[in-house]
Amino acid sequence: MQADTPTTLRPGLRPRLIVVMGVSGTGKTTFATALHEALGWPWQDADPLHSAASRAKMAAGIALDDQDRAGWLTRCHDWLARQAARGEGGILACSALKRRYRDRLGLGLPAPWQPIIIHLCASPAQLAERLTQRTNHFMPASLLPSQLATLEPPQPDELAWSFDATAPVQATLTHVLARLAALPDTGQAGSQPTPQQDMAAWDIITPAP
């Protein structure tokens, strides 16, 4: 589910923190794994960081509330903070549905280590179809409507890029790697346009196959 040590680091890209966010079924784990394999930065799936009580609650079809998520967000933040302190970078696959959840993940981190948010998006119908095909996961498809209702997409002032979750993983990966390579060395994803950033960073981008 996760890798705590980097493999081969991609030359020319300094380590950063990335949060792959989205509702259930968008392919966060799949894309985080692809980023890890391409970059060599450690990655963490946020699902195992939930408490046993929260996992049981979701398995029973009961949506989590802010109180349920508080300790989980702290554990996610602490993982990111450790990766920043080690200078290794890191990739976190985490729903991060609300703006304040994302703010919590980056709380207190130095500017060069503020997480870059990659938001994976898909239509409710596409997500529902994906979830019906998923097995061995504690979260049932019945919780998708509550996640969609909770979702607060990234806003223009966030360091965020949004992508169509139904696009081929390799196409999205190529697009993200190009954006990372074009970033200034301040770690501020929104500090200047990238070569492909001719649309607002919060618009959904559909990479070509």
Protein backbone atom coordinates (compact mmCIF):
# COMPACT_ATOMS: atom_id res chain seq x y z
CA MET A 1 0.00 0.00 0.00
CA GLN A 2 2.87 2.37 0.54
CA ALA A 3 6.61 2.91 0.21
CA ASP A 4 8.57 4.68 2.95
CA THR A 5 11.89 4.87 1.15
CA PRO A 6 12.61 6.35 -2.28
CA THR A 7 13.64 4.19 -5.19
CA THR A 8 15.41 5.89 -8.11
CA LEU A 9 15.05 9.65 -7.80
CA ARG A 10 14.17 11.46 -11.01
CA PRO A 11 17.10 13.73 -11.94
CA GLY A 12 16.45 17.45 -12.23
CA LEU A 13 13.42 17.56 -9.93
CA ARG A 14 13.94 18.57 -6.34
CA PRO A 15 11.80 16.67 -3.85
CA ARG A 16 8.41 18.20 -3.04
CA LEU A 17 5.26 17.23 -1.22
CA ILE A 18 2.24 16.18 -3.29
CA VAL A 19 -1.28 15.37 -2.10
CA VAL A 20 -3.37 13.37 -4.57
CA MET A 21 -6.94 14.22 -3.56
CA GLY A 22 -10.47 13.38 -4.62
CA VAL A 23 -13.52 11.44 -3.61
CA SER A 24 -13.57 7.67 -3.46
CA GLY A 25 -13.15 5.99 -6.83
CA THR A 26 -11.05 8.66 -8.53
CA GLY A 27 -7.94 6.47 -8.53
CA LYS A 28 -5.87 8.30 -5.91
CA THR A 29 -3.89 5.22 -4.92
CA THR A 30 -3.25 4.23 -8.53
CA PHE A 31 -1.99 7.69 -9.45
CA ALA A 32 0.08 8.10 -6.27
CA THR A 33 1.74 4.79 -7.05
CA ALA A 34 2.49 5.93 -10.60
CA LEU A 35 4.02 9.17 -9.27
CA HIS A 36 6.13 7.21 -6.80
CA GLU A 37 7.40 4.91 -9.53
CA ALA A 38 8.22 7.86 -11.77
CA LEU A 39 9.79 10.11 -9.14
CA GLY A 40 11.13 7.74 -6.52
CA TRP A 41 9.66 9.85 -3.71
CA PRO A 42 8.11 7.95 -0.79
CA TRP A 43 4.35 7.67 -0.82
CA GLN A 44 1.65 7.00 1.75
CA ASP A 45 -1.95 5.91 1.36
CA ALA A 46 -4.02 7.85 3.91
CA ASP A 47 -6.59 5.06 4.33
CA PRO A 48 -4.48 3.03 6.81
CA LEU A 49 -4.03 6.19 8.89
CA HIS A 50 -7.74 6.20 9.78
CA SER A 51 -8.54 4.89 13.25
CA ALA A 52 -10.06 1.44 13.55
CA ALA A 53 -13.27 3.10 14.74
CA SER A 54 -13.44 5.29 11.64
CA ARG A 55 -12.81 2.34 9.31
CA ALA A 56 -15.56 0.39 11.04
CA LYS A 57 -17.91 3.35 10.78
CA MET A 58 -17.32 3.68 7.04
CA ALA A 59 -17.64 -0.07 6.51
CA ALA A 60 -21.06 0.20 8.14
CA GLY A 61 -22.07 2.84 5.60
CA ILE A 62 -21.85 5.78 8.03
CA ALA A 63 -20.13 8.92 6.77
CA LEU A 64 -17.34 10.42 8.84
CA ASP A 65 -17.67 13.88 10.34
CA ASP A 66 -15.02 16.50 11.09
CA GLN A 67 -14.42 15.08 14.55
CA ASP A 68 -13.81 11.62 13.11
CA ARG A 69 -11.28 13.04 10.67
CA ALA A 70 -9.37 15.25 13.13
CA GLY A 71 -6.86 12.65 14.33
CA TRP A 72 -6.52 11.22 10.84
CA LEU A 73 -5.63 14.62 9.39
CA THR A 74 -3.05 15.08 12.13
CA ARG A 75 -1.45 11.76 11.23
CA CYS A 76 -1.46 12.69 7.53
CA HIS A 77 0.10 16.08 8.33
CA ASP A 78 2.74 14.46 10.53
CA TRP A 79 3.74 12.11 7.73
CA LEU A 80 4.16 15.04 5.34
CA ALA A 81 6.11 16.99 7.97
CA ARG A 82 8.49 14.05 8.49
CA GLN A 83 9.09 13.78 4.76
CA ALA A 84 9.85 17.50 4.57
CA ALA A 85 12.22 17.27 7.54
CA ARG A 86 14.06 14.41 5.84
CA GLY A 87 14.26 16.37 2.59
CA GLU A 88 12.96 13.35 0.69
CA GLY A 89 9.68 14.69 -0.59
CA GLY A 90 6.55 12.60 -0.42
CA ILE A 91 3.27 11.72 -2.10
CA LEU A 92 0.11 11.35 -0.02
CA ALA A 93 -3.04 9.77 -1.44
CA CYS A 94 -5.72 11.44 0.66
CA SER A 95 -9.32 12.47 -0.01
CA ALA A 96 -8.72 15.96 1.53
CA LEU A 97 -12.28 16.88 0.61
CA LYS A 98 -12.58 20.22 2.38
CA ARG A 99 -10.46 23.35 2.11
CA ARG A 100 -9.73 23.31 5.83
CA TYR A 101 -8.57 19.71 5.58
CA ARG A 102 -6.06 20.71 2.93
CA ASP A 103 -5.00 23.72 4.98
CA ARG A 104 -4.44 21.36 7.92
CA LEU A 105 -2.17 19.15 5.83
CA GLY A 106 0.14 22.07 5.04
CA LEU A 107 -0.08 23.78 8.44
CA GLY A 108 3.29 25.03 9.64
CA LEU A 109 5.26 23.59 6.73
CA PRO A 110 7.89 25.91 5.19
CA ALA A 111 6.94 27.55 1.89
CA PRO A 112 9.13 25.22 -0.23
CA TRP A 113 7.33 22.26 1.34
CA GLN A 114 3.73 23.42 1.00
CA PRO A 115 1.93 20.49 -0.65
CA ILE A 116 1.02 20.63 -4.31
CA ILE A 117 -2.57 19.40 -4.62
CA ILE A 118 -3.47 17.12 -7.52
CA HIS A 119 -7.25 16.85 -7.66
CA LEU A 120 -8.64 13.89 -9.60
CA CYS A 121 -12.19 14.46 -10.84
CA ALA A 122 -14.90 12.38 -12.50
CA SER A 123 -18.66 12.49 -12.89
CA PRO A 124 -20.87 10.86 -10.22
CA ALA A 125 -21.96 8.22 -12.73
CA GLN A 126 -18.37 7.34 -13.64
CA LEU A 127 -17.40 7.15 -9.98
CA ALA A 128 -20.37 4.98 -9.09
CA GLU A 129 -19.49 2.55 -11.86
CA ARG A 130 -15.90 2.35 -10.65
CA LEU A 131 -16.93 1.73 -7.07
CA THR A 132 -19.25 -1.13 -8.00
CA GLN A 133 -16.24 -2.85 -9.56
CA ARG A 134 -13.95 -2.32 -6.57
CA THR A 135 -13.40 -5.14 -4.08
CA ASN A 136 -11.59 -5.51 -0.76
CA HIS A 137 -12.10 -1.93 0.38
CA PHE A 138 -13.73 -0.89 3.64
CA MET A 139 -15.63 2.05 2.14
CA PRO A 140 -18.89 1.07 0.40
CA ALA A 141 -20.19 2.73 -2.76
CA SER A 142 -23.19 3.97 -0.77
CA LEU A 143 -20.99 6.67 0.81
CA LEU A 144 -20.17 8.30 -2.53
CA PRO A 145 -23.07 10.81 -2.38
CA SER A 146 -21.94 12.04 1.04
CA GLN A 147 -18.39 12.47 -0.22
CA LEU A 148 -19.57 14.44 -3.24
CA ALA A 149 -21.69 16.63 -0.96
CA THR A 150 -18.68 17.26 1.29
CA LEU A 151 -16.23 17.97 -1.54
CA GLU A 152 -14.90 21.52 -1.79
CA PRO A 153 -12.84 21.65 -5.00
CA PRO A 154 -9.55 23.54 -4.79
CA GLN A 155 -9.82 27.30 -5.19
CA PRO A 156 -7.66 29.70 -7.24
CA ASP A 157 -5.49 30.62 -4.26
CA GLU A 158 -4.54 26.99 -3.55
CA LEU A 159 -1.49 25.28 -5.01
CA ALA A 160 -3.65 22.89 -7.00
CA TRP A 161 -3.97 21.23 -10.39
CA SER A 162 -7.13 19.34 -11.34
CA PHE A 163 -7.23 16.44 -13.78
CA ASP A 164 -9.83 14.19 -15.34
CA ALA A 165 -9.63 10.94 -13.37
CA THR A 166 -10.84 8.96 -16.39
CA ALA A 167 -7.89 9.98 -18.57
CA PRO A 168 -5.12 7.40 -19.04
CA VAL A 169 -2.81 7.37 -16.01
CA GLN A 170 0.30 7.71 -18.18
CA ALA A 171 -1.11 10.76 -19.96
CA THR A 172 -1.88 12.51 -16.68
CA LEU A 173 1.48 11.47 -15.27
CA THR A 174 3.30 12.98 -18.25
CA HIS A 175 1.37 16.21 -17.79
CA VAL A 176 2.15 16.39 -14.06
CA LEU A 177 5.84 15.65 -14.55
CA ALA A 178 6.08 18.44 -17.11
CA ARG A 179 4.44 20.86 -14.69
CA LEU A 180 6.75 19.82 -11.87
CA ALA A 181 9.79 20.29 -14.08
CA ALA A 182 8.63 23.79 -15.00
CA LEU A 183 8.14 24.98 -11.42
CA PRO A 184 10.49 27.56 -9.96
CA ASP A 185 12.69 26.26 -7.16
CA THR A 186 10.64 27.96 -4.45
CA GLY A 187 8.15 25.11 -4.12
CA GLN A 188 5.30 27.51 -4.87
CA ALA A 189 3.22 25.74 -7.50
CA GLY A 190 1.21 28.84 -8.27
CA SER A 191 4.03 31.37 -8.26
CA GLN A 192 4.42 31.51 -12.04
CA PRO A 193 2.75 29.88 -15.05
CA THR A 194 4.08 26.63 -16.39
CA PRO A 195 4.38 26.06 -20.17
CA GLN A 196 1.06 24.16 -20.22
CA GLN A 197 -0.75 26.33 -17.69
CA ASP A 198 -2.73 28.47 -20.14
CA MET A 199 -5.90 27.83 -18.13
CA ALA A 200 -6.58 28.48 -14.47
CA ALA A 201 -4.99 25.91 -12.17
CA TRP A 202 -8.40 24.98 -10.79
CA ASP A 203 -9.92 24.13 -14.18
CA ILE A 204 -10.16 20.41 -14.94
CA ILE A 205 -7.56 19.34 -17.46
CA THR A 206 -8.10 16.34 -19.70
CA PRO A 207 -4.70 15.14 -20.92
CA ALA A 208 -4.54 13.76 -24.43
CA PRO A 209 -4.23 9.95 -24.58
